[in-house]
Amino acid sequence: MDIKEKTGAILEALKAAYPDPVCALHYQKDYQLLFAVRLSAQCTDERVNQITPALFARYPTLEDFAAADVLEVEDLVHACGFYHHKARDIVLSAQALLERFGGRVPGTMEELLTLPGVGRKTANLLLGDLYRVPGSVVCDTHVIRITNKLGLARGKEPEKVERQLRAILPPEESADFCHRIVLHGRAICTARKPQCGSCPLSPFCDSFTGDQTQP
């Protein structure tokens, strides 16, 4: 089985196991997803979802966020960790969206990377979820760890893994693939105790089969 056949088989197994690959973060407006993703850095999505209802209720519009007192935002997001930087980035991003992008989250990688606190991982998630841009590969810790186990990528550098996955994933499948891998990493292929015996990907997993050849 070559790498394209293997990738196709993995995609089909993931689709069967996780037919509804939605983002775990809760949001109703495009900028709310931007802010929720910023809060999720080194924090669980579950914790973020516990915090954002009060945050979004306190600042119901983008204009409210742009005019917010950073110290007050810090109080609301304190439980997410790194709250000084996250609160500052949220307020500055709200101001940037209004001043430079007409109050909308921009739809290109280049524009997104100009926003405070936005790196390629966040930008790819926004492009994939908000705009369904083909080839959007979100390299979070689950994606990096599991694609290395599967032999689809090598290395831990997010940009390197992103390039490798872009080369083998069908562009229209990439965003959903990443969501499915995250779901799989939480449900079965956990970092501490993977459930290899019940894993639908075990037949394709280099870590399980002992095949350590390069992808």
N, C-alpha and C. Protein backbone atom coordinates (compact mmCIF):
# COMPACT_ATOMS: atom_id res chain seq x y z
N MET A 1 0.85 -1.20 0.00
CA MET A 1 0.00 0.00 0.00
C MET A 1 0.88 1.25 0.00
N ASP A 2 0.76 2.07 -1.05
CA ASP A 2 1.56 3.28 -1.08
C ASP A 2 0.91 4.36 -0.22
N ILE A 3 1.57 5.51 -0.12
CA ILE A 3 1.12 6.55 0.82
C ILE A 3 -0.25 7.10 0.42
N LYS A 4 -0.54 7.21 -0.87
CA LYS A 4 -1.84 7.71 -1.29
C LYS A 4 -2.95 6.72 -0.94
N GLU A 5 -2.69 5.44 -1.17
CA GLU A 5 -3.68 4.43 -0.81
C GLU A 5 -3.89 4.39 0.70
N LYS A 6 -2.79 4.49 1.44
CA LYS A 6 -2.89 4.47 2.89
C LYS A 6 -3.67 5.68 3.39
N THR A 7 -3.38 6.85 2.84
CA THR A 7 -4.09 8.06 3.24
C THR A 7 -5.58 7.92 2.96
N GLY A 8 -5.93 7.38 1.80
CA GLY A 8 -7.33 7.18 1.46
C GLY A 8 -8.03 6.23 2.41
N ALA A 9 -7.34 5.16 2.80
CA ALA A 9 -7.92 4.19 3.72
C ALA A 9 -8.13 4.81 5.10
N ILE A 10 -7.17 5.61 5.53
CA ILE A 10 -7.30 6.30 6.82
C ILE A 10 -8.45 7.29 6.79
N LEU A 11 -8.57 8.02 5.70
CA LEU A 11 -9.68 8.97 5.57
C LEU A 11 -11.03 8.26 5.68
N GLU A 12 -11.17 7.14 5.00
CA GLU A 12 -12.44 6.41 5.03
C GLU A 12 -12.72 5.87 6.43
N ALA A 13 -11.70 5.36 7.11
CA ALA A 13 -11.89 4.84 8.47
C ALA A 13 -12.30 5.96 9.42
N LEU A 14 -11.70 7.13 9.26
CA LEU A 14 -12.04 8.27 10.12
C LEU A 14 -13.47 8.75 9.84
N LYS A 15 -13.87 8.75 8.59
CA LYS A 15 -15.23 9.17 8.25
C LYS A 15 -16.26 8.24 8.88
N ALA A 16 -15.96 6.95 8.86
CA ALA A 16 -16.89 5.99 9.45
C ALA A 16 -16.97 6.14 10.96
N ALA A 17 -15.83 6.43 11.58
CA ALA A 17 -15.80 6.54 13.04
C ALA A 17 -16.32 7.88 13.53
N TYR A 18 -16.10 8.93 12.75
CA TYR A 18 -16.48 10.30 13.17
C TYR A 18 -17.18 11.00 12.00
N PRO A 19 -18.44 10.66 11.77
CA PRO A 19 -19.14 11.20 10.60
C PRO A 19 -19.45 12.70 10.67
N ASP A 20 -19.41 13.28 11.87
CA ASP A 20 -19.77 14.70 12.03
C ASP A 20 -18.60 15.45 12.65
N PRO A 21 -17.61 15.82 11.84
CA PRO A 21 -16.36 16.39 12.37
C PRO A 21 -16.44 17.90 12.62
N VAL A 22 -17.24 18.28 13.60
CA VAL A 22 -17.40 19.71 13.88
C VAL A 22 -16.34 20.19 14.86
N CYS A 23 -16.08 21.47 14.83
CA CYS A 23 -15.17 22.09 15.79
C CYS A 23 -15.78 22.00 17.18
N ALA A 24 -14.97 21.67 18.16
CA ALA A 24 -15.47 21.51 19.53
C ALA A 24 -15.77 22.83 20.22
N LEU A 25 -15.23 23.92 19.70
CA LEU A 25 -15.46 25.23 20.31
C LEU A 25 -16.84 25.77 19.91
N HIS A 26 -17.53 26.35 20.88
CA HIS A 26 -18.87 26.87 20.63
C HIS A 26 -18.81 28.35 20.22
N TYR A 27 -19.54 28.67 19.16
CA TYR A 27 -19.56 30.06 18.69
C TYR A 27 -20.77 30.26 17.80
N GLN A 28 -21.17 31.52 17.64
CA GLN A 28 -22.27 31.87 16.74
C GLN A 28 -21.84 32.88 15.69
N LYS A 29 -20.81 33.65 15.98
CA LYS A 29 -20.33 34.67 15.05
C LYS A 29 -18.88 34.38 14.69
N ASP A 30 -18.46 34.86 13.53
CA ASP A 30 -17.11 34.52 13.07
C ASP A 30 -16.03 34.98 14.05
N TYR A 31 -16.17 36.19 14.59
CA TYR A 31 -15.14 36.68 15.50
C TYR A 31 -15.15 35.92 16.82
N GLN A 32 -16.30 35.34 17.18
CA GLN A 32 -16.34 34.54 18.41
C GLN A 32 -15.47 33.30 18.28
N LEU A 33 -15.43 32.71 17.08
CA LEU A 33 -14.53 31.57 16.87
C LEU A 33 -13.08 32.02 16.97
N LEU A 34 -12.76 33.15 16.40
CA LEU A 34 -11.40 33.69 16.50
C LEU A 34 -10.98 33.84 17.96
N PHE A 35 -11.86 34.42 18.77
CA PHE A 35 -11.52 34.65 20.18
C PHE A 35 -11.47 33.34 20.96
N ALA A 36 -12.37 32.42 20.65
CA ALA A 36 -12.38 31.13 21.35
C ALA A 36 -11.11 30.34 21.04
N VAL A 37 -10.67 30.40 19.79
CA VAL A 37 -9.43 29.70 19.44
C VAL A 37 -8.25 30.32 20.17
N ARG A 38 -8.24 31.62 20.28
CA ARG A 38 -7.14 32.29 21.02
C ARG A 38 -7.14 31.84 22.47
N LEU A 39 -8.31 31.72 23.08
CA LEU A 39 -8.40 31.28 24.47
C LEU A 39 -7.99 29.82 24.63
N SER A 40 -8.10 29.03 23.58
CA SER A 40 -7.84 27.59 23.69
C SER A 40 -6.35 27.26 23.71
N ALA A 41 -5.49 28.24 23.46
CA ALA A 41 -4.05 27.97 23.50
C ALA A 41 -3.64 27.48 24.89
N GLN A 42 -3.05 26.29 24.93
CA GLN A 42 -2.63 25.67 26.19
C GLN A 42 -3.77 25.61 27.20
N CYS A 43 -4.97 25.37 26.68
CA CYS A 43 -6.17 25.22 27.50
C CYS A 43 -7.12 24.28 26.78
N THR A 44 -7.94 23.56 27.49
CA THR A 44 -8.85 22.62 26.85
C THR A 44 -10.05 23.34 26.23
N ASP A 45 -10.58 22.76 25.18
CA ASP A 45 -11.78 23.31 24.56
C ASP A 45 -12.95 23.30 25.56
N GLU A 46 -13.00 22.27 26.38
CA GLU A 46 -14.07 22.18 27.38
C GLU A 46 -14.04 23.38 28.32
N ARG A 47 -12.85 23.75 28.78
CA ARG A 47 -12.73 24.91 29.68
C ARG A 47 -13.12 26.19 28.95
N VAL A 48 -12.67 26.32 27.71
CA VAL A 48 -13.02 27.52 26.92
C VAL A 48 -14.54 27.63 26.79
N ASN A 49 -15.20 26.52 26.51
CA ASN A 49 -16.66 26.54 26.34
C ASN A 49 -17.39 26.88 27.65
N GLN A 50 -16.75 26.67 28.76
CA GLN A 50 -17.34 27.06 30.04
C GLN A 50 -17.21 28.57 30.27
N ILE A 51 -16.22 29.17 29.65
CA ILE A 51 -15.92 30.59 29.89
C ILE A 51 -16.58 31.51 28.87
N THR A 52 -16.65 31.08 27.62
CA THR A 52 -17.11 32.00 26.57
C THR A 52 -18.57 32.46 26.69
N PRO A 53 -19.51 31.67 27.25
CA PRO A 53 -20.87 32.20 27.35
C PRO A 53 -20.93 33.52 28.13
N ALA A 54 -20.25 33.60 29.25
CA ALA A 54 -20.25 34.84 30.03
C ALA A 54 -19.50 35.95 29.31
N LEU A 55 -18.41 35.57 28.64
CA LEU A 55 -17.62 36.56 27.89
C LEU A 55 -18.44 37.16 26.75
N PHE A 56 -19.10 36.31 25.98
CA PHE A 56 -19.88 36.79 24.85
C PHE A 56 -21.14 37.53 25.29
N ALA A 57 -21.66 37.18 26.46
CA ALA A 57 -22.82 37.91 26.98
C ALA A 57 -22.42 39.30 27.46
N ARG A 58 -21.23 39.39 28.04
CA ARG A 58 -20.76 40.69 28.53
C ARG A 58 -20.45 41.63 27.38
N TYR A 59 -19.95 41.09 26.27
CA TYR A 59 -19.60 41.89 25.09
C TYR A 59 -20.35 41.31 23.89
N PRO A 60 -21.60 41.69 23.70
CA PRO A 60 -22.44 41.05 22.67
C PRO A 60 -22.11 41.44 21.24
N THR A 61 -21.32 42.50 21.05
CA THR A 61 -20.96 42.90 19.68
C THR A 61 -19.46 43.06 19.57
N LEU A 62 -18.99 43.08 18.34
CA LEU A 62 -17.56 43.30 18.11
C LEU A 62 -17.15 44.68 18.60
N GLU A 63 -18.03 45.64 18.45
CA GLU A 63 -17.74 47.00 18.93
C GLU A 63 -17.55 47.00 20.45
N ASP A 64 -18.34 46.19 21.15
CA ASP A 64 -18.19 46.09 22.60
C ASP A 64 -16.82 45.53 22.97
N PHE A 65 -16.37 44.52 22.24
CA PHE A 65 -15.04 43.96 22.49
C PHE A 65 -13.95 45.00 22.22
N ALA A 66 -14.11 45.76 21.15
CA ALA A 66 -13.09 46.74 20.77
C ALA A 66 -12.97 47.84 21.82
N ALA A 67 -14.06 48.13 22.51
CA ALA A 67 -14.05 49.20 23.53
C ALA A 67 -13.83 48.65 24.94
N ALA A 68 -13.60 47.37 25.06
CA ALA A 68 -13.53 46.73 26.38
C ALA A 68 -12.29 47.14 27.15
N ASP A 69 -12.42 47.14 28.46
CA ASP A 69 -11.29 47.32 29.37
C ASP A 69 -10.55 45.98 29.44
N VAL A 70 -9.28 45.98 29.07
CA VAL A 70 -8.52 44.74 29.04
C VAL A 70 -8.51 44.06 30.40
N LEU A 71 -8.45 44.83 31.47
CA LEU A 71 -8.44 44.25 32.81
C LEU A 71 -9.74 43.50 33.11
N GLU A 72 -10.84 44.01 32.61
CA GLU A 72 -12.11 43.34 32.81
C GLU A 72 -12.17 42.05 32.00
N VAL A 73 -11.65 42.10 30.78
CA VAL A 73 -11.60 40.88 29.97
C VAL A 73 -10.71 39.85 30.65
N GLU A 74 -9.62 40.29 31.24
CA GLU A 74 -8.73 39.38 31.97
C GLU A 74 -9.48 38.63 33.05
N ASP A 75 -10.31 39.33 33.78
CA ASP A 75 -11.09 38.68 34.84
C ASP A 75 -11.99 37.59 34.28
N LEU A 76 -12.57 37.85 33.11
CA LEU A 76 -13.51 36.89 32.53
C LEU A 76 -12.83 35.67 31.93
N VAL A 77 -11.57 35.83 31.51
CA VAL A 77 -10.87 34.71 30.86
C VAL A 77 -9.75 34.15 31.72
N HIS A 78 -9.71 34.57 32.96
CA HIS A 78 -8.61 34.19 33.86
C HIS A 78 -8.40 32.68 33.91
N ALA A 79 -9.46 31.91 33.92
CA ALA A 79 -9.36 30.46 34.08
C ALA A 79 -8.74 29.77 32.87
N CYS A 80 -8.58 30.48 31.76
CA CYS A 80 -7.98 29.87 30.57
C CYS A 80 -6.46 29.85 30.63
N GLY A 81 -5.87 30.57 31.59
CA GLY A 81 -4.43 30.66 31.63
C GLY A 81 -3.90 31.68 30.63
N PHE A 82 -2.71 32.21 30.93
CA PHE A 82 -2.08 33.22 30.07
C PHE A 82 -3.06 34.34 29.73
N TYR A 83 -3.85 34.70 30.72
CA TYR A 83 -4.98 35.60 30.49
C TYR A 83 -4.55 37.02 30.14
N HIS A 84 -3.37 37.46 30.58
CA HIS A 84 -2.93 38.81 30.22
C HIS A 84 -2.80 38.93 28.70
N HIS A 85 -2.07 37.99 28.10
CA HIS A 85 -1.85 38.04 26.65
C HIS A 85 -3.15 37.78 25.89
N LYS A 86 -3.93 36.83 26.35
CA LYS A 86 -5.16 36.48 25.63
C LYS A 86 -6.16 37.63 25.65
N ALA A 87 -6.34 38.27 26.80
CA ALA A 87 -7.27 39.40 26.88
C ALA A 87 -6.82 40.55 26.00
N ARG A 88 -5.53 40.83 26.04
CA ARG A 88 -4.99 41.92 25.20
C ARG A 88 -5.21 41.60 23.72
N ASP A 89 -4.91 40.38 23.32
CA ASP A 89 -5.04 40.01 21.90
C ASP A 89 -6.49 40.07 21.44
N ILE A 90 -7.43 39.68 22.30
CA ILE A 90 -8.84 39.73 21.94
C ILE A 90 -9.29 41.16 21.68
N VAL A 91 -8.93 42.07 22.56
CA VAL A 91 -9.34 43.47 22.40
C VAL A 91 -8.67 44.08 21.16
N LEU A 92 -7.37 43.83 21.00
CA LEU A 92 -6.65 44.39 19.85
C LEU A 92 -7.17 43.78 18.54
N SER A 93 -7.51 42.50 18.56
CA SER A 93 -8.05 41.88 17.34
C SER A 93 -9.41 42.47 16.99
N ALA A 94 -10.24 42.71 17.99
CA ALA A 94 -11.54 43.33 17.73
C ALA A 94 -11.37 44.70 17.08
N GLN A 95 -10.41 45.46 17.59
CA GLN A 95 -10.15 46.77 17.01
C GLN A 95 -9.64 46.66 15.58
N ALA A 96 -8.76 45.67 15.34
CA ALA A 96 -8.22 45.48 13.99
C ALA A 96 -9.30 45.05 13.01
N LEU A 97 -10.20 44.17 13.45
CA LEU A 97 -11.28 43.73 12.56
C LEU A 97 -12.16 44.90 12.13
N LEU A 98 -12.42 45.79 13.06
CA LEU A 98 -13.26 46.95 12.74
C LEU A 98 -12.52 47.97 11.89
N GLU A 99 -11.25 48.19 12.20
CA GLU A 99 -10.49 49.24 11.52
C GLU A 99 -10.01 48.83 10.13
N ARG A 100 -9.67 47.53 9.97
CA ARG A 100 -9.02 47.11 8.72
C ARG A 100 -9.80 46.11 7.88
N PHE A 101 -10.79 45.45 8.49
CA PHE A 101 -11.45 44.36 7.76
C PHE A 101 -12.97 44.47 7.75
N GLY A 102 -13.48 45.66 8.00
CA GLY A 102 -14.92 45.86 7.90
C GLY A 102 -15.74 45.08 8.90
N GLY A 103 -15.14 44.72 10.02
CA GLY A 103 -15.86 44.00 11.06
C GLY A 103 -16.01 42.52 10.81
N ARG A 104 -15.28 41.99 9.84
CA ARG A 104 -15.34 40.55 9.53
C ARG A 104 -13.97 39.91 9.73
N VAL A 105 -13.97 38.64 10.08
CA VAL A 105 -12.72 37.89 10.13
C VAL A 105 -12.24 37.70 8.69
N PRO A 106 -11.02 38.11 8.37
CA PRO A 106 -10.55 38.03 6.98
C PRO A 106 -10.43 36.59 6.51
N GLY A 107 -10.45 36.41 5.19
CA GLY A 107 -10.49 35.08 4.61
C GLY A 107 -9.22 34.64 3.91
N THR A 108 -8.09 35.27 4.24
CA THR A 108 -6.82 34.82 3.66
C THR A 108 -5.80 34.60 4.77
N MET A 109 -4.87 33.69 4.51
CA MET A 109 -3.81 33.41 5.48
C MET A 109 -3.01 34.67 5.78
N GLU A 110 -2.67 35.41 4.73
CA GLU A 110 -1.83 36.59 4.91
C GLU A 110 -2.49 37.63 5.82
N GLU A 111 -3.78 37.86 5.63
CA GLU A 111 -4.49 38.83 6.46
C GLU A 111 -4.66 38.33 7.89
N LEU A 112 -4.99 37.06 8.04
CA LEU A 112 -5.20 36.52 9.38
C LEU A 112 -3.93 36.60 10.23
N LEU A 113 -2.78 36.38 9.60
CA LEU A 113 -1.53 36.39 10.35
C LEU A 113 -1.14 37.79 10.83
N THR A 114 -1.85 38.81 10.38
CA THR A 114 -1.59 40.16 10.89
C THR A 114 -2.33 40.44 12.19
N LEU A 115 -3.25 39.56 12.57
CA LEU A 115 -4.02 39.77 13.80
C LEU A 115 -3.23 39.32 15.02
N PRO A 116 -3.35 40.02 16.14
CA PRO A 116 -2.60 39.68 17.34
C PRO A 116 -2.90 38.26 17.82
N GLY A 117 -1.84 37.50 18.07
CA GLY A 117 -2.00 36.16 18.62
C GLY A 117 -2.39 35.09 17.63
N VAL A 118 -2.46 35.44 16.34
CA VAL A 118 -2.87 34.46 15.33
C VAL A 118 -1.65 33.89 14.63
N GLY A 119 -1.47 32.58 14.72
CA GLY A 119 -0.44 31.87 13.98
C GLY A 119 -1.09 31.00 12.92
N ARG A 120 -0.28 30.17 12.28
CA ARG A 120 -0.80 29.36 11.17
C ARG A 120 -1.87 28.37 11.63
N LYS A 121 -1.72 27.80 12.82
CA LYS A 121 -2.72 26.85 13.30
C LYS A 121 -4.09 27.50 13.40
N THR A 122 -4.14 28.66 14.06
CA THR A 122 -5.40 29.40 14.20
C THR A 122 -5.93 29.82 12.83
N ALA A 123 -5.04 30.34 12.00
CA ALA A 123 -5.47 30.81 10.68
C ALA A 123 -6.06 29.67 9.85
N ASN A 124 -5.41 28.52 9.86
CA ASN A 124 -5.93 27.38 9.10
C ASN A 124 -7.28 26.93 9.62
N LEU A 125 -7.46 26.94 10.94
CA LEU A 125 -8.76 26.54 11.49
C LEU A 125 -9.85 27.51 11.04
N LEU A 126 -9.57 28.80 11.10
CA LEU A 126 -10.55 29.80 10.69
C LEU A 126 -10.86 29.68 9.20
N LEU A 127 -9.84 29.48 8.39
CA LEU A 127 -10.05 29.35 6.95
C LEU A 127 -10.89 28.11 6.63
N GLY A 128 -10.60 27.01 7.33
CA GLY A 128 -11.33 25.78 7.07
C GLY A 128 -12.75 25.82 7.57
N ASP A 129 -12.97 26.36 8.77
CA ASP A 129 -14.29 26.33 9.38
C ASP A 129 -15.20 27.46 8.91
N LEU A 130 -14.65 28.63 8.74
CA LEU A 130 -15.48 29.78 8.35
C LEU A 130 -15.66 29.87 6.84
N TYR A 131 -14.61 29.51 6.09
CA TYR A 131 -14.64 29.75 4.65
C TYR A 131 -14.49 28.49 3.81
N ARG A 132 -14.28 27.34 4.47
CA ARG A 132 -14.11 26.06 3.77
C ARG A 132 -13.03 26.15 2.70
N VAL A 133 -11.94 26.79 3.02
CA VAL A 133 -10.82 26.92 2.09
C VAL A 133 -10.12 25.57 1.93
N PRO A 134 -10.01 25.04 0.73
CA PRO A 134 -9.34 23.76 0.53
C PRO A 134 -7.88 23.82 0.98
N GLY A 135 -7.41 22.72 1.54
CA GLY A 135 -6.02 22.65 1.96
C GLY A 135 -5.73 23.24 3.33
N SER A 136 -6.77 23.52 4.11
CA SER A 136 -6.58 24.08 5.44
C SER A 136 -6.22 22.96 6.42
N VAL A 137 -4.97 22.94 6.84
CA VAL A 137 -4.45 21.88 7.71
C VAL A 137 -4.11 22.47 9.07
N VAL A 138 -4.85 22.04 10.08
CA VAL A 138 -4.67 22.56 11.44
C VAL A 138 -3.75 21.61 12.21
N CYS A 139 -2.53 22.02 12.44
CA CYS A 139 -1.55 21.16 13.09
C CYS A 139 -1.50 21.43 14.59
N ASP A 140 -2.46 20.89 15.31
CA ASP A 140 -2.39 20.97 16.76
C ASP A 140 -1.65 19.74 17.29
N THR A 141 -1.57 19.61 18.61
CA THR A 141 -0.78 18.53 19.19
C THR A 141 -1.32 17.15 18.82
N HIS A 142 -2.65 17.01 18.76
CA HIS A 142 -3.24 15.72 18.37
C HIS A 142 -2.85 15.35 16.94
N VAL A 143 -2.97 16.30 16.03
CA VAL A 143 -2.68 16.04 14.63
C VAL A 143 -1.21 15.67 14.44
N ILE A 144 -0.33 16.42 15.08
CA ILE A 144 1.10 16.13 14.95
C ILE A 144 1.41 14.74 15.52
N ARG A 145 0.93 14.46 16.70
CA ARG A 145 1.24 13.18 17.36
C ARG A 145 0.68 12.00 16.58
N ILE A 146 -0.57 12.07 16.17
CA ILE A 146 -1.21 10.91 15.55
C ILE A 146 -0.75 10.71 14.11
N THR A 147 -0.54 11.78 13.36
CA THR A 147 -0.06 11.59 11.99
C THR A 147 1.36 11.05 11.98
N ASN A 148 2.13 11.35 13.00
CA ASN A 148 3.45 10.72 13.13
C ASN A 148 3.30 9.23 13.41
N LYS A 149 2.37 8.86 14.29
CA LYS A 149 2.13 7.45 14.57
C LYS A 149 1.68 6.69 13.32
N LEU A 150 0.86 7.35 12.52
CA LEU A 150 0.32 6.73 11.32
C LEU A 150 1.33 6.68 10.18
N GLY A 151 2.41 7.43 10.31
CA GLY A 151 3.39 7.48 9.24
C GLY A 151 3.02 8.42 8.11
N LEU A 152 2.07 9.30 8.36
CA LEU A 152 1.69 10.29 7.35
C LEU A 152 2.60 11.50 7.39
N ALA A 153 3.28 11.68 8.49
CA ALA A 153 4.19 12.81 8.65
C ALA A 153 5.33 12.39 9.57
N ARG A 154 6.41 13.15 9.51
CA ARG A 154 7.53 12.93 10.40
C ARG A 154 7.95 14.27 10.99
N GLY A 155 8.22 14.28 12.29
CA GLY A 155 8.68 15.49 12.95
C GLY A 155 7.61 16.15 13.79
N LYS A 156 8.02 17.07 14.65
CA LYS A 156 7.11 17.74 15.56
C LYS A 156 6.92 19.22 15.26
N GLU A 157 7.60 19.72 14.25
CA GLU A 157 7.46 21.13 13.89
C GLU A 157 6.15 21.32 13.13
N PRO A 158 5.24 22.16 13.65
CA PRO A 158 3.92 22.30 13.02
C PRO A 158 3.96 22.64 11.53
N GLU A 159 4.81 23.58 11.14
CA GLU A 159 4.83 23.97 9.73
C GLU A 159 5.35 22.84 8.84
N LYS A 160 6.30 22.06 9.35
CA LYS A 160 6.82 20.93 8.57
C LYS A 160 5.73 19.87 8.41
N VAL A 161 5.02 19.57 9.50
CA VAL A 161 3.95 18.58 9.42
C VAL A 161 2.84 19.09 8.51
N GLU A 162 2.52 20.37 8.59
CA GLU A 162 1.50 20.94 7.71
C GLU A 162 1.86 20.74 6.25
N ARG A 163 3.10 21.00 5.90
CA ARG A 163 3.53 20.83 4.50
C ARG A 163 3.40 19.37 4.06
N GLN A 164 3.80 18.45 4.94
CA GLN A 164 3.72 17.03 4.59
C GLN A 164 2.27 16.59 4.38
N LEU A 165 1.38 17.06 5.25
CA LEU A 165 -0.02 16.67 5.13
C LEU A 165 -0.68 17.31 3.92
N ARG A 166 -0.32 18.54 3.62
CA ARG A 166 -0.87 19.20 2.42
C ARG A 166 -0.51 18.40 1.16
N ALA A 167 0.65 17.76 1.17
CA ALA A 167 1.13 17.04 -0.01
C ALA A 167 0.35 15.75 -0.25
N ILE A 168 -0.29 15.20 0.78
CA ILE A 168 -0.95 13.89 0.61
C ILE A 168 -2.45 13.92 0.82
N LEU A 169 -2.98 14.93 1.51
CA LEU A 169 -4.42 14.98 1.76
C LEU A 169 -5.16 15.63 0.58
N PRO A 170 -6.30 15.09 0.19
CA PRO A 170 -7.14 15.81 -0.77
C PRO A 170 -7.51 17.17 -0.17
N PRO A 171 -7.28 18.27 -0.89
CA PRO A 171 -7.50 19.59 -0.31
C PRO A 171 -8.88 19.78 0.30
N GLU A 172 -9.91 19.23 -0.35
CA GLU A 172 -11.27 19.41 0.15
C GLU A 172 -11.55 18.59 1.41
N GLU A 173 -10.64 17.67 1.75
CA GLU A 173 -10.83 16.80 2.91
C GLU A 173 -10.00 17.25 4.12
N SER A 174 -9.08 18.18 3.92
CA SER A 174 -8.06 18.44 4.94
C SER A 174 -8.62 19.00 6.25
N ALA A 175 -9.55 19.94 6.18
CA ALA A 175 -10.08 20.54 7.41
C ALA A 175 -10.83 19.50 8.23
N ASP A 176 -11.69 18.72 7.57
CA ASP A 176 -12.44 17.69 8.28
C ASP A 176 -11.52 16.59 8.80
N PHE A 177 -10.49 16.27 8.03
CA PHE A 177 -9.51 15.28 8.49
C PHE A 177 -8.92 15.70 9.83
N CYS A 178 -8.53 16.97 9.94
CA CYS A 178 -7.92 17.44 11.18
C CYS A 178 -8.90 17.40 12.35
N HIS A 179 -10.15 17.78 12.11
CA HIS A 179 -11.16 17.68 13.17
C HIS A 179 -11.34 16.24 13.61
N ARG A 180 -11.36 15.33 12.64
CA ARG A 180 -11.55 13.91 12.97
C ARG A 180 -10.37 13.36 13.76
N ILE A 181 -9.17 13.78 13.40
CA ILE A 181 -7.98 13.34 14.14
C ILE A 181 -8.04 13.84 15.58
N VAL A 182 -8.49 15.08 15.78
CA VAL A 182 -8.62 15.61 17.14
C VAL A 182 -9.64 14.79 17.94
N LEU A 183 -10.78 14.50 17.32
CA LEU A 183 -11.78 13.67 18.00
C LEU A 183 -11.21 12.30 18.34
N HIS A 184 -10.45 11.73 17.42
CA HIS A 184 -9.84 10.42 17.65
C HIS A 184 -8.81 10.48 18.78
N GLY A 185 -8.06 11.58 18.82
CA GLY A 185 -7.05 11.73 19.87
C GLY A 185 -7.65 11.88 21.25
N ARG A 186 -8.85 12.38 21.31
CA ARG A 186 -9.53 12.53 22.60
C ARG A 186 -10.25 11.24 23.00
N ALA A 187 -10.77 10.52 22.01
CA ALA A 187 -11.60 9.35 22.31
C ALA A 187 -10.81 8.06 22.45
N ILE A 188 -9.84 7.85 21.57
CA ILE A 188 -9.16 6.55 21.53
C ILE A 188 -7.64 6.67 21.59
N CYS A 189 -7.05 7.42 20.69
CA CYS A 189 -5.59 7.51 20.63
C CYS A 189 -5.10 8.63 21.55
N THR A 190 -5.35 8.45 22.83
CA THR A 190 -4.92 9.45 23.80
C THR A 190 -3.41 9.39 23.99
N ALA A 191 -2.84 10.48 24.44
CA ALA A 191 -1.38 10.53 24.58
C ALA A 191 -0.88 9.60 25.67
N ARG A 192 -1.62 9.50 26.77
CA ARG A 192 -1.14 8.72 27.90
C ARG A 192 -1.47 7.24 27.81
N LYS A 193 -2.65 6.91 27.29
CA LYS A 193 -3.07 5.51 27.27
C LYS A 193 -3.91 5.23 26.04
N PRO A 194 -3.25 5.08 24.88
CA PRO A 194 -4.00 4.80 23.65
C PRO A 194 -4.66 3.43 23.69
N GLN A 195 -5.88 3.38 23.18
CA GLN A 195 -6.65 2.13 23.17
C GLN A 195 -6.48 1.43 21.82
N CYS A 196 -5.28 0.91 21.62
CA CYS A 196 -4.92 0.36 20.31
C CYS A 196 -5.81 -0.82 19.92
N GLY A 197 -6.26 -1.60 20.90
CA GLY A 197 -7.06 -2.77 20.60
C GLY A 197 -8.41 -2.45 19.99
N SER A 198 -8.92 -1.25 20.25
CA SER A 198 -10.22 -0.86 19.71
C SER A 198 -10.10 0.27 18.69
N CYS A 199 -8.90 0.50 18.20
CA CYS A 199 -8.66 1.63 17.29
C CYS A 199 -8.93 1.23 15.84
N PRO A 200 -9.81 1.95 15.15
CA PRO A 200 -10.09 1.63 13.74
C PRO A 200 -8.92 1.94 12.82
N LEU A 201 -7.93 2.68 13.32
CA LEU A 201 -6.77 3.03 12.50
C LEU A 201 -5.58 2.12 12.74
N SER A 202 -5.68 1.18 13.67
CA SER A 202 -4.53 0.35 14.02
C SER A 202 -3.94 -0.41 12.82
N PRO A 203 -4.74 -0.86 11.84
CA PRO A 203 -4.12 -1.56 10.70
C PRO A 203 -3.20 -0.66 9.87
N PHE A 204 -3.38 0.66 10.00
CA PHE A 204 -2.58 1.60 9.21
C PHE A 204 -1.54 2.34 10.05
N CYS A 205 -1.42 1.97 11.32
CA CYS A 205 -0.60 2.73 12.27
C CYS A 205 0.80 2.14 12.36
N ASP A 206 1.81 2.91 11.96
CA ASP A 206 3.18 2.45 12.04
C ASP A 206 3.59 2.15 13.47
N SER A 207 3.09 2.93 14.40
CA SER A 207 3.43 2.72 15.80
C SER A 207 2.89 1.39 16.30
N PHE A 208 1.75 0.98 15.78
CA PHE A 208 1.13 -0.28 16.20
C PHE A 208 1.72 -1.48 15.46
N THR A 209 1.94 -1.32 14.14
CA THR A 209 2.41 -2.44 13.33
C THR A 209 3.92 -2.59 13.35
N GLY A 210 4.62 -1.53 13.78
CA GLY A 210 6.07 -1.60 13.81
C GLY A 210 6.73 -1.14 12.52
N ASP A 211 5.95 -0.64 11.58
CA ASP A 211 6.49 -0.14 10.31
C ASP A 211 6.93 1.30 10.52
N GLN A 212 8.22 1.56 10.48
CA GLN A 212 8.75 2.90 10.71
C GLN A 212 9.36 3.49 9.45
N THR A 213 8.92 3.05 8.29
CA THR A 213 9.44 3.60 7.03
C THR A 213 8.95 5.03 6.84
N GLN A 214 9.66 5.78 6.07
CA GLN A 214 9.29 7.16 5.81
C GLN A 214 8.02 7.22 4.98
N PRO A 215 7.16 8.23 5.21
CA PRO A 215 5.96 8.37 4.39
C PRO A 215 6.31 8.75 2.96
